[in-house]
Amino acid sequence: MIFVYPYFAKKCDDKNWVKAKYIKLQRYLAIINGLISIICIVFAPIIIKIIFGSEYLNCISAFRILWVGYFIAGTFRVPSGNVLFTIKKKKLTYLIQFLVGF
């Protein structure tokens, strides 16, 4: 989002451009974050064993749950919040962030 935010801010008045690029951004983020999450979920035992050691293998389910959360937040929540803020939908952004906090 740090890279694409200036482009959205520059074109914030052009709703069609923002919508088209947002959909494209979501598509690419879903693919990239999906691949990263699937790899980390599938290879969780190996990753945990290499990074943390065998004594932490009982944390595999928590590790996998965190990757699901990463996929949802990294693909949908963070980009959506930034784009909404860019197009001056501040109240909606605050409401979504408040609801997600619960």
PDB file of N, CA and C in Angstrom:
ATOM      1  N   MET A   1       0.826  -1.198   0.000  1.00  0.00           N
ATOM      2  CA  MET A   1       0.000   0.000   0.000  1.00  0.00           C
ATOM      3  C   MET A   1       0.861   1.248   0.000  1.00  0.00           C
ATOM      4  N   ILE A   2       2.050   1.175   0.551  1.00  0.00           N
ATOM      5  CA  ILE A   2       2.927   2.338   0.549  1.00  0.00           C
ATOM      6  C   ILE A   2       3.268   2.729  -0.889  1.00  0.00           C
ATOM      7  N   PHE A   3       3.408   1.759  -1.751  1.00  0.00           N
ATOM      8  CA  PHE A   3       3.746   2.041  -3.145  1.00  0.00           C
ATOM      9  C   PHE A   3       2.561   2.601  -3.923  1.00  0.00           C
ATOM     10  N   VAL A   4       1.376   2.025  -3.765  1.00  0.00           N
ATOM     11  CA  VAL A   4       0.227   2.426  -4.587  1.00  0.00           C
ATOM     12  C   VAL A   4      -0.568   3.590  -4.020  1.00  0.00           C
ATOM     13  N   TYR A   5      -0.401   3.895  -2.744  1.00  0.00           N
ATOM     14  CA  TYR A   5      -1.182   4.967  -2.123  1.00  0.00           C
ATOM     15  C   TYR A   5      -1.054   6.309  -2.847  1.00  0.00           C
ATOM     16  N   PRO A   6       0.147   6.743  -3.245  1.00  0.00           N
ATOM     17  CA  PRO A   6       0.244   8.037  -3.946  1.00  0.00           C
ATOM     18  C   PRO A   6      -0.531   8.082  -5.259  1.00  0.00           C
ATOM     19  N   TYR A   7      -0.607   6.964  -5.953  1.00  0.00           N
ATOM     20  CA  TYR A   7      -1.365   6.937  -7.211  1.00  0.00           C
ATOM     21  C   TYR A   7      -2.853   7.125  -6.948  1.00  0.00           C
ATOM     22  N   PHE A   8      -3.347   6.473  -5.920  1.00  0.00           N
ATOM     23  CA  PHE A   8      -4.754   6.629  -5.569  1.00  0.00           C
ATOM     24  C   PHE A   8      -5.037   8.041  -5.059  1.00  0.00           C
ATOM     25  N   ALA A   9      -4.103   8.604  -4.315  1.00  0.00           N
ATOM     26  CA  ALA A   9      -4.293   9.958  -3.800  1.00  0.00           C
ATOM     27  C   ALA A   9      -4.304  10.974  -4.939  1.00  0.00           C
ATOM     28  N   LYS A  10      -3.470  10.749  -5.944  1.00  0.00           N
ATOM     29  CA  LYS A  10      -3.397  11.664  -7.085  1.00  0.00           C
ATOM     30  C   LYS A  10      -4.685  11.639  -7.912  1.00  0.00           C
ATOM     31  N   LYS A  11      -5.317  10.476  -7.994  1.00  0.00           N
ATOM     32  CA  LYS A  11      -6.517  10.302  -8.816  1.00  0.00           C
ATOM     33  C   LYS A  11      -7.785  10.197  -7.981  1.00  0.00           C
ATOM     34  N   CYS A  12      -7.784  10.727  -6.772  1.00  0.00           N
ATOM     35  CA  CYS A  12      -8.902  10.532  -5.841  1.00  0.00           C
ATOM     36  C   CYS A  12     -10.228  11.086  -6.361  1.00  0.00           C
ATOM     37  N   ASP A  13     -10.195  12.041  -7.266  1.00  0.00           N
ATOM     38  CA  ASP A  13     -11.442  12.607  -7.800  1.00  0.00           C
ATOM     39  C   ASP A  13     -12.015  11.808  -8.961  1.00  0.00           C
ATOM     40  N   ASP A  14     -11.219  10.936  -9.536  1.00  0.00           N
ATOM     41  CA  ASP A  14     -11.659  10.119 -10.671  1.00  0.00           C
ATOM     42  C   ASP A  14     -12.151   8.763 -10.141  1.00  0.00           C
ATOM     43  N   LYS A  15     -13.438   8.691  -9.821  1.00  0.00           N
ATOM     44  CA  LYS A  15     -14.012   7.491  -9.184  1.00  0.00           C
ATOM     45  C   LYS A  15     -13.901   6.251 -10.070  1.00  0.00           C
ATOM     46  N   ASN A  16     -14.049   6.417 -11.382  1.00  0.00           N
ATOM     47  CA  ASN A  16     -13.941   5.261 -12.284  1.00  0.00           C
ATOM     48  C   ASN A  16     -12.528   4.685 -12.271  1.00  0.00           C
ATOM     49  N   TRP A  17     -11.526   5.562 -12.293  1.00  0.00           N
ATOM     50  CA  TRP A  17     -10.143   5.102 -12.252  1.00  0.00           C
ATOM     51  C   TRP A  17      -9.875   4.384 -10.937  1.00  0.00           C
ATOM     52  N   VAL A  18     -10.311   4.979  -9.830  1.00  0.00           N
ATOM     53  CA  VAL A  18     -10.091   4.385  -8.505  1.00  0.00           C
ATOM     54  C   VAL A  18     -10.745   3.006  -8.423  1.00  0.00           C
ATOM     55  N   LYS A  19     -11.967   2.906  -8.920  1.00  0.00           N
ATOM     56  CA  LYS A  19     -12.676   1.621  -8.873  1.00  0.00           C
ATOM     57  C   LYS A  19     -11.968   0.558  -9.702  1.00  0.00           C
ATOM     58  N   ALA A  20     -11.562   0.918 -10.908  1.00  0.00           N
ATOM     59  CA  ALA A  20     -10.891  -0.044 -11.789  1.00  0.00           C
ATOM     60  C   ALA A  20      -9.563  -0.501 -11.204  1.00  0.00           C
ATOM     61  N   LYS A  21      -8.783   0.429 -10.716  1.00  0.00           N
ATOM     62  CA  LYS A  21      -7.469   0.075 -10.162  1.00  0.00           C
ATOM     63  C   LYS A  21      -7.600  -0.654  -8.826  1.00  0.00           C
ATOM     64  N   TYR A  22      -8.631  -0.319  -8.053  1.00  0.00           N
ATOM     65  CA  TYR A  22      -8.852  -1.016  -6.787  1.00  0.00           C
ATOM     66  C   TYR A  22      -9.186  -2.488  -7.038  1.00  0.00           C
ATOM     67  N   ILE A  23     -10.018  -2.745  -8.018  1.00  0.00           N
ATOM     68  CA  ILE A  23     -10.356  -4.134  -8.343  1.00  0.00           C
ATOM     69  C   ILE A  23      -9.116  -4.887  -8.815  1.00  0.00           C
ATOM     70  N   LYS A  24      -8.304  -4.225  -9.629  1.00  0.00           N
ATOM     71  CA  LYS A  24      -7.060  -4.844 -10.097  1.00  0.00           C
ATOM     72  C   LYS A  24      -6.112  -5.109  -8.921  1.00  0.00           C
ATOM     73  N   LEU A  25      -6.003  -4.141  -8.014  1.00  0.00           N
ATOM     74  CA  LEU A  25      -5.165  -4.292  -6.828  1.00  0.00           C
ATOM     75  C   LEU A  25      -5.638  -5.470  -5.976  1.00  0.00           C
ATOM     76  N   GLN A  26      -6.950  -5.566  -5.762  1.00  0.00           N
ATOM     77  CA  GLN A  26      -7.510  -6.667  -4.969  1.00  0.00           C
ATOM     78  C   GLN A  26      -7.193  -8.015  -5.604  1.00  0.00           C
ATOM     79  N   ARG A  27      -7.306  -8.094  -6.901  1.00  0.00           N
ATOM     80  CA  ARG A  27      -7.035  -9.347  -7.612  1.00  0.00           C
ATOM     81  C   ARG A  27      -5.587  -9.786  -7.388  1.00  0.00           C
ATOM     82  N   TYR A  28      -4.644  -8.860  -7.586  1.00  0.00           N
ATOM     83  CA  TYR A  28      -3.239  -9.209  -7.415  1.00  0.00           C
ATOM     84  C   TYR A  28      -2.890  -9.511  -5.962  1.00  0.00           C
ATOM     85  N   LEU A  29      -3.457  -8.749  -5.048  1.00  0.00           N
ATOM     86  CA  LEU A  29      -3.201  -9.021  -3.630  1.00  0.00           C
ATOM     87  C   LEU A  29      -3.749 -10.375  -3.214  1.00  0.00           C
ATOM     88  N   ALA A  30      -4.910 -10.740  -3.728  1.00  0.00           N
ATOM     89  CA  ALA A  30      -5.495 -12.041  -3.394  1.00  0.00           C
ATOM     90  C   ALA A  30      -4.603 -13.174  -3.891  1.00  0.00           C
ATOM     91  N   ILE A  31      -4.059 -13.019  -5.083  1.00  0.00           N
ATOM     92  CA  ILE A  31      -3.178 -14.056  -5.636  1.00  0.00           C
ATOM     93  C   ILE A  31      -1.886 -14.151  -4.832  1.00  0.00           C
ATOM     94  N   ILE A  32      -1.230 -13.020  -4.632  1.00  0.00           N
ATOM     95  CA  ILE A  32       0.061 -13.021  -3.929  1.00  0.00           C
ATOM     96  C   ILE A  32      -0.105 -13.462  -2.477  1.00  0.00           C
ATOM     97  N   ASN A  33      -1.033 -12.842  -1.753  1.00  0.00           N
ATOM     98  CA  ASN A  33      -1.231 -13.205  -0.346  1.00  0.00           C
ATOM     99  C   ASN A  33      -1.769 -14.625  -0.202  1.00  0.00           C
ATOM    100  N   GLY A  34      -2.574 -15.052  -1.162  1.00  0.00           N
ATOM    101  CA  GLY A  34      -3.078 -16.425  -1.137  1.00  0.00           C
ATOM    102  C   GLY A  34      -1.953 -17.442  -1.270  1.00  0.00           C
ATOM    103  N   LEU A  35      -1.055 -17.196  -2.212  1.00  0.00           N
ATOM    104  CA  LEU A  35       0.078 -18.108  -2.388  1.00  0.00           C
ATOM    105  C   LEU A  35       0.974 -18.132  -1.150  1.00  0.00           C
ATOM    106  N   ILE A  36       1.279 -16.964  -0.623  1.00  0.00           N
ATOM    107  CA  ILE A  36       2.113 -16.897   0.580  1.00  0.00           C
ATOM    108  C   ILE A  36       1.440 -17.627   1.741  1.00  0.00           C
ATOM    109  N   SER A  37       0.150 -17.378   1.933  1.00  0.00           N
ATOM    110  CA  SER A  37      -0.579 -18.004   3.042  1.00  0.00           C
ATOM    111  C   SER A  37      -0.671 -19.511   2.877  1.00  0.00           C
ATOM    112  N   ILE A  38      -0.978 -19.976   1.678  1.00  0.00           N
ATOM    113  CA  ILE A  38      -1.093 -21.427   1.445  1.00  0.00           C
ATOM    114  C   ILE A  38       0.243 -22.118   1.698  1.00  0.00           C
ATOM    115  N   ILE A  39       1.317 -21.529   1.191  1.00  0.00           N
ATOM    116  CA  ILE A  39       2.641 -22.121   1.408  1.00  0.00           C
ATOM    117  C   ILE A  39       2.962 -22.187   2.896  1.00  0.00           C
ATOM    118  N   CYS A  40       2.694 -21.111   3.610  1.00  0.00           N
ATOM    119  CA  CYS A  40       3.009 -21.086   5.046  1.00  0.00           C
ATOM    120  C   CYS A  40       2.099 -22.000   5.859  1.00  0.00           C
ATOM    121  N   ILE A  41       0.853 -22.141   5.431  1.00  0.00           N
ATOM    122  CA  ILE A  41      -0.063 -23.041   6.141  1.00  0.00           C
ATOM    123  C   ILE A  41       0.324 -24.495   5.895  1.00  0.00           C
ATOM    124  N   VAL A  42       0.624 -24.837   4.654  1.00  0.00           N
ATOM    125  CA  VAL A  42       0.977 -26.219   4.319  1.00  0.00           C
ATOM    126  C   VAL A  42       2.303 -26.625   4.966  1.00  0.00           C
ATOM    127  N   PHE A  43       3.270 -25.731   4.902  1.00  0.00           N
ATOM    128  CA  PHE A  43       4.594 -26.058   5.424  1.00  0.00           C
ATOM    129  C   PHE A  43       4.820 -25.547   6.847  1.00  0.00           C
ATOM    130  N   ALA A  44       3.744 -25.324   7.580  1.00  0.00           N
ATOM    131  CA  ALA A  44       3.844 -24.805   8.952  1.00  0.00           C
ATOM    132  C   ALA A  44       4.744 -25.650   9.851  1.00  0.00           C
ATOM    133  N   PRO A  45       4.624 -26.965   9.845  1.00  0.00           N
ATOM    134  CA  PRO A  45       5.504 -27.744  10.735  1.00  0.00           C
ATOM    135  C   PRO A  45       6.987 -27.554  10.415  1.00  0.00           C
ATOM    136  N   ILE A  46       7.306 -27.494   9.145  1.00  0.00           N
ATOM    137  CA  ILE A  46       8.711 -27.326   8.753  1.00  0.00           C
ATOM    138  C   ILE A  46       9.204 -25.934   9.135  1.00  0.00           C
ATOM    139  N   ILE A  47       8.382 -24.920   8.867  1.00  0.00           N
ATOM    140  CA  ILE A  47       8.763 -23.540   9.175  1.00  0.00           C
ATOM    141  C   ILE A  47       8.986 -23.359  10.670  1.00  0.00           C
ATOM    142  N   ILE A  48       8.058 -23.870  11.463  1.00  0.00           N
ATOM    143  CA  ILE A  48       8.181 -23.734  12.919  1.00  0.00           C
ATOM    144  C   ILE A  48       9.403 -24.481  13.436  1.00  0.00           C
ATOM    145  N   LYS A  49       9.625 -25.665  12.904  1.00  0.00           N
ATOM    146  CA  LYS A  49      10.778 -26.459  13.343  1.00  0.00           C
ATOM    147  C   LYS A  49      12.099 -25.763  13.003  1.00  0.00           C
ATOM    148  N   ILE A  50      12.176 -25.178  11.812  1.00  0.00           N
ATOM    149  CA  ILE A  50      13.417 -24.510  11.399  1.00  0.00           C
ATOM    150  C   ILE A  50      13.642 -23.219  12.183  1.00  0.00           C
ATOM    151  N   ILE A  51      12.610 -22.409  12.292  1.00  0.00           N
ATOM    152  CA  ILE A  51      12.778 -21.085  12.899  1.00  0.00           C
ATOM    153  C   ILE A  51      12.793 -21.142  14.429  1.00  0.00           C
ATOM    154  N   PHE A  52      11.867 -21.902  15.018  1.00  0.00           N
ATOM    155  CA  PHE A  52      11.702 -21.875  16.469  1.00  0.00           C
ATOM    156  C   PHE A  52      12.202 -23.130  17.174  1.00  0.00           C
ATOM    157  N   GLY A  53      12.265 -24.240  16.477  1.00  0.00           N
ATOM    158  CA  GLY A  53      12.720 -25.481  17.082  1.00  0.00           C
ATOM    159  C   GLY A  53      11.576 -26.455  17.326  1.00  0.00           C
ATOM    160  N   SER A  54      11.933 -27.699  17.574  1.00  0.00           N
ATOM    161  CA  SER A  54      10.945 -28.772  17.743  1.00  0.00           C
ATOM    162  C   SER A  54      10.037 -28.578  18.943  1.00  0.00           C
ATOM    163  N   GLU A  55      10.498 -27.878  19.961  1.00  0.00           N
ATOM    164  CA  GLU A  55       9.681 -27.712  21.165  1.00  0.00           C
ATOM    165  C   GLU A  55       8.460 -26.832  20.939  1.00  0.00           C
ATOM    166  N   TYR A  56       8.381 -26.148  19.803  1.00  0.00           N
ATOM    167  CA  TYR A  56       7.238 -25.283  19.500  1.00  0.00           C
ATOM    168  C   TYR A  56       6.276 -25.892  18.470  1.00  0.00           C
ATOM    169  N   LEU A  57       6.419 -27.150  18.166  1.00  0.00           N
ATOM    170  CA  LEU A  57       5.549 -27.790  17.173  1.00  0.00           C
ATOM    171  C   LEU A  57       4.090 -27.855  17.606  1.00  0.00           C
ATOM    172  N   ASN A  58       3.811 -27.709  18.895  1.00  0.00           N
ATOM    173  CA  ASN A  58       2.417 -27.728  19.345  1.00  0.00           C
ATOM    174  C   ASN A  58       1.697 -26.418  19.006  1.00  0.00           C
ATOM    175  N   CYS A  59       2.390 -25.451  18.437  1.00  0.00           N
ATOM    176  CA  CYS A  59       1.795 -24.155  18.066  1.00  0.00           C
ATOM    177  C   CYS A  59       1.401 -24.086  16.594  1.00  0.00           C
ATOM    178  N   ILE A  60       1.401 -25.201  15.909  1.00  0.00           N
ATOM    179  CA  ILE A  60       1.122 -25.207  14.475  1.00  0.00           C
ATOM    180  C   ILE A  60      -0.273 -24.669  14.163  1.00  0.00           C
ATOM    181  N   SER A  61      -1.271 -25.065  14.930  1.00  0.00           N
ATOM    182  CA  SER A  61      -2.636 -24.596  14.645  1.00  0.00           C
ATOM    183  C   SER A  61      -2.761 -23.090  14.834  1.00  0.00           C
ATOM    184  N   ALA A  62      -2.115 -22.537  15.857  1.00  0.00           N
ATOM    185  CA  ALA A  62      -2.137 -21.082  16.055  1.00  0.00           C
ATOM    186  C   ALA A  62      -1.418 -20.373  14.915  1.00  0.00           C
ATOM    187  N   PHE A  63      -0.311 -20.927  14.475  1.00  0.00           N
ATOM    188  CA  PHE A  63       0.444 -20.378  13.346  1.00  0.00           C
ATOM    189  C   PHE A  63      -0.417 -20.329  12.090  1.00  0.00           C
ATOM    190  N   ARG A  64      -1.162 -21.393  11.852  1.00  0.00           N
ATOM    191  CA  ARG A  64      -2.034 -21.443  10.674  1.00  0.00           C
ATOM    192  C   ARG A  64      -3.177 -20.436  10.778  1.00  0.00           C
ATOM    193  N   ILE A  65      -3.753 -20.299  11.945  1.00  0.00           N
ATOM    194  CA  ILE A  65      -4.836 -19.330  12.148  1.00  0.00           C
ATOM    195  C   ILE A  65      -4.322 -17.907  11.898  1.00  0.00           C
ATOM    196  N   LEU A  66      -3.121 -17.620  12.357  1.00  0.00           N
ATOM    197  CA  LEU A  66      -2.540 -16.300  12.113  1.00  0.00           C
ATOM    198  C   LEU A  66      -2.328 -16.042  10.623  1.00  0.00           C
ATOM    199  N   TRP A  67      -1.994 -17.059   9.864  1.00  0.00           N
ATOM    200  CA  TRP A  67      -1.833 -16.876   8.417  1.00  0.00           C
ATOM    201  C   TRP A  67      -3.158 -16.629   7.715  1.00  0.00           C
ATOM    202  N   VAL A  68      -4.219 -17.246   8.214  1.00  0.00           N
ATOM    203  CA  VAL A  68      -5.550 -16.948   7.657  1.00  0.00           C
ATOM    204  C   VAL A  68      -5.896 -15.485   7.941  1.00  0.00           C
ATOM    205  N   GLY A  69      -5.609 -15.044   9.150  1.00  0.00           N
ATOM    206  CA  GLY A  69      -5.837 -13.643   9.501  1.00  0.00           C
ATOM    207  C   GLY A  69      -5.010 -12.696   8.659  1.00  0.00           C
ATOM    208  N   TYR A  70      -3.763 -13.078   8.390  1.00  0.00           N
ATOM    209  CA  TYR A  70      -2.913 -12.265   7.515  1.00  0.00           C
ATOM    210  C   TYR A  70      -3.531 -12.139   6.128  1.00  0.00           C
ATOM    211  N   PHE A  71      -4.017 -13.250   5.596  1.00  0.00           N
ATOM    212  CA  PHE A  71      -4.603 -13.221   4.260  1.00  0.00           C
ATOM    213  C   PHE A  71      -5.794 -12.264   4.209  1.00  0.00           C
ATOM    214  N   ILE A  72      -6.663 -12.349   5.192  1.00  0.00           N
ATOM    215  CA  ILE A  72      -7.859 -11.493   5.212  1.00  0.00           C
ATOM    216  C   ILE A  72      -7.470 -10.027   5.384  1.00  0.00           C
ATOM    217  N   ALA A  73      -6.615  -9.739   6.342  1.00  0.00           N
ATOM    218  CA  ALA A  73      -6.228  -8.347   6.602  1.00  0.00           C
ATOM    219  C   ALA A  73      -5.394  -7.772   5.459  1.00  0.00           C
ATOM    220  N   GLY A  74      -4.431  -8.528   4.990  1.00  0.00           N
ATOM    221  CA  GLY A  74      -3.539  -8.041   3.943  1.00  0.00           C
ATOM    222  C   GLY A  74      -4.194  -7.908   2.586  1.00  0.00           C
ATOM    223  N   THR A  75      -5.226  -8.684   2.353  1.00  0.00           N
ATOM    224  CA  THR A  75      -5.885  -8.646   1.052  1.00  0.00           C
ATOM    225  C   THR A  75      -7.072  -7.705   1.041  1.00  0.00           C
ATOM    226  N   PHE A  76      -7.822  -7.658   2.113  1.00  0.00           N
ATOM    227  CA  PHE A  76      -9.071  -6.907   2.092  1.00  0.00           C
ATOM    228  C   PHE A  76      -9.086  -5.688   3.010  1.00  0.00           C
ATOM    229  N   ARG A  77      -8.746  -5.852   4.273  1.00  0.00           N
ATOM    230  CA  ARG A  77      -8.931  -4.769   5.242  1.00  0.00           C
ATOM    231  C   ARG A  77      -7.979  -3.606   5.024  1.00  0.00           C
ATOM    232  N   VAL A  78      -6.711  -3.848   4.943  1.00  0.00           N
ATOM    233  CA  VAL A  78      -5.719  -2.770   4.834  1.00  0.00           C
ATOM    234  C   VAL A  78      -5.865  -1.990   3.526  1.00  0.00           C
ATOM    235  N   PRO A  79      -5.901  -2.656   2.364  1.00  0.00           N
ATOM    236  CA  PRO A  79      -6.059  -1.886   1.123  1.00  0.00           C
ATOM    237  C   PRO A  79      -7.379  -1.129   1.060  1.00  0.00           C
ATOM    238  N   SER A  80      -8.452  -1.748   1.501  1.00  0.00           N
ATOM    239  CA  SER A  80      -9.757  -1.088   1.463  1.00  0.00           C
ATOM    240  C   SER A  80      -9.770   0.150   2.340  1.00  0.00           C
ATOM    241  N   GLY A  81      -9.221   0.029   3.531  1.00  0.00           N
ATOM    242  CA  GLY A  81      -9.171   1.174   4.426  1.00  0.00           C
ATOM    243  C   GLY A  81      -8.363   2.320   3.852  1.00  0.00           C
ATOM    244  N   ASN A  82      -7.234   2.012   3.248  1.00  0.00           N
ATOM    245  CA  ASN A  82      -6.406   3.064   2.665  1.00  0.00           C
ATOM    246  C   ASN A  82      -7.070   3.715   1.463  1.00  0.00           C
ATOM    247  N   VAL A  83      -7.705   2.932   0.622  1.00  0.00           N
ATOM    248  CA  VAL A  83      -8.374   3.501  -0.549  1.00  0.00           C
ATOM    249  C   VAL A  83      -9.565   4.353  -0.116  1.00  0.00           C
ATOM    250  N   LEU A  84     -10.344   3.882   0.839  1.00  0.00           N
ATOM    251  CA  LEU A  84     -11.468   4.671   1.336  1.00  0.00           C
ATOM    252  C   LEU A  84     -11.000   5.992   1.943  1.00  0.00           C
ATOM    253  N   PHE A  85      -9.901   5.942   2.662  1.00  0.00           N
ATOM    254  CA  PHE A  85      -9.366   7.168   3.252  1.00  0.00           C
ATOM    255  C   PHE A  85      -8.878   8.119   2.157  1.00  0.00           C
ATOM    256  N   THR A  86      -8.278   7.561   1.112  1.00  0.00           N
ATOM    257  CA  THR A  86      -7.776   8.374   0.006  1.00  0.00           C
ATOM    258  C   THR A  86      -8.894   9.118  -0.704  1.00  0.00           C
ATOM    259  N   ILE A  87     -10.034   8.457  -0.880  1.00  0.00           N
ATOM    260  CA  ILE A  87     -11.144   9.114  -1.594  1.00  0.00           C
ATOM    261  C   ILE A  87     -12.059   9.866  -0.632  1.00  0.00           C
ATOM    262  N   LYS A  88     -11.496  10.175   0.524  1.00  0.00           N
ATOM    263  CA  LYS A  88     -12.151  11.043   1.521  1.00  0.00           C
ATOM    264  C   LYS A  88     -13.428  10.460   2.117  1.00  0.00           C
ATOM    265  N   LYS A  89     -13.461   9.168   2.313  1.00  0.00           N
ATOM    266  CA  LYS A  89     -14.562   8.494   3.004  1.00  0.00           C
ATOM    267  C   LYS A  89     -14.104   8.186   4.426  1.00  0.00           C
ATOM    268  N   LYS A  90     -13.764   9.229   5.163  1.00  0.00           N
ATOM    269  CA  LYS A  90     -13.159   9.062   6.481  1.00  0.00           C
ATOM    270  C   LYS A  90     -14.109   8.447   7.499  1.00  0.00           C
ATOM    271  N   LYS A  91     -15.358   8.863   7.494  1.00  0.00           N
ATOM    272  CA  LYS A  91     -16.306   8.316   8.474  1.00  0.00           C
ATOM    273  C   LYS A  91     -16.513   6.820   8.259  1.00  0.00           C
ATOM    274  N   LEU A  92     -16.646   6.416   7.009  1.00  0.00           N
ATOM    275  CA  LEU A  92     -16.813   4.998   6.695  1.00  0.00           C
ATOM    276  C   LEU A  92     -15.555   4.222   7.094  1.00  0.00           C
ATOM    277  N   THR A  93     -14.392   4.802   6.853  1.00  0.00           N
ATOM    278  CA  THR A  93     -13.135   4.162   7.235  1.00  0.00           C
ATOM    279  C   THR A  93     -13.061   3.968   8.741  1.00  0.00           C
ATOM    280  N   TYR A  94     -13.404   4.985   9.500  1.00  0.00           N
ATOM    281  CA  TYR A  94     -13.378   4.872  10.960  1.00  0.00           C
ATOM    282  C   TYR A  94     -14.380   3.836  11.459  1.00  0.00           C
ATOM    283  N   LEU A  95     -15.547   3.793  10.859  1.00  0.00           N
ATOM    284  CA  LEU A  95     -16.557   2.811  11.247  1.00  0.00           C
ATOM    285  C   LEU A  95     -16.074   1.398  10.992  1.00  0.00           C
ATOM    286  N   ILE A  96     -15.499   1.162   9.830  1.00  0.00           N
ATOM    287  CA  ILE A  96     -14.983  -0.180   9.509  1.00  0.00           C
ATOM    288  C   ILE A  96     -13.871  -0.567  10.470  1.00  0.00           C
ATOM    289  N   GLN A  97     -12.927   0.353  10.732  1.00  0.00           N
ATOM    290  CA  GLN A  97     -11.844   0.049  11.645  1.00  0.00           C
ATOM    291  C   GLN A  97     -12.367  -0.234  13.049  1.00  0.00           C
ATOM    292  N   PHE A  98     -13.377   0.493  13.466  1.00  0.00           N
ATOM    293  CA  PHE A  98     -13.984   0.278  14.777  1.00  0.00           C
ATOM    294  C   PHE A  98     -14.619  -1.117  14.845  1.00  0.00           C
ATOM    295  N   LEU A  99     -15.369  -1.488  13.812  1.00  0.00           N
ATOM    296  CA  LEU A  99     -16.036  -2.778  13.792  1.00  0.00           C
ATOM    297  C   LEU A  99     -15.042  -3.934  13.709  1.00  0.00           C
ATOM    298  N   VAL A 100     -13.981  -3.752  12.957  1.00  0.00           N
ATOM    299  CA  VAL A 100     -12.964  -4.802  12.835  1.00  0.00           C
ATOM    300  C   VAL A 100     -12.219  -4.978  14.159  1.00  0.00           C
ATOM    301  N   GLY A 101     -12.121  -3.907  14.922  1.00  0.00           N
ATOM    302  CA  GLY A 101     -11.448  -3.975  16.220  1.00  0.00           C
ATOM    303  C   GLY A 101     -12.142  -4.876  17.225  1.00  0.00           C
ATOM    304  N   PHE A 102     -13.427  -5.111  17.018  1.00  0.00           N
ATOM    305  CA  PHE A 102     -14.169  -5.971  17.938  1.00  0.00           C
ATOM    306  C   PHE A 102     -14.138  -7.351  17.482  1.00  0.00           C
TER     307      PHE A 102
END
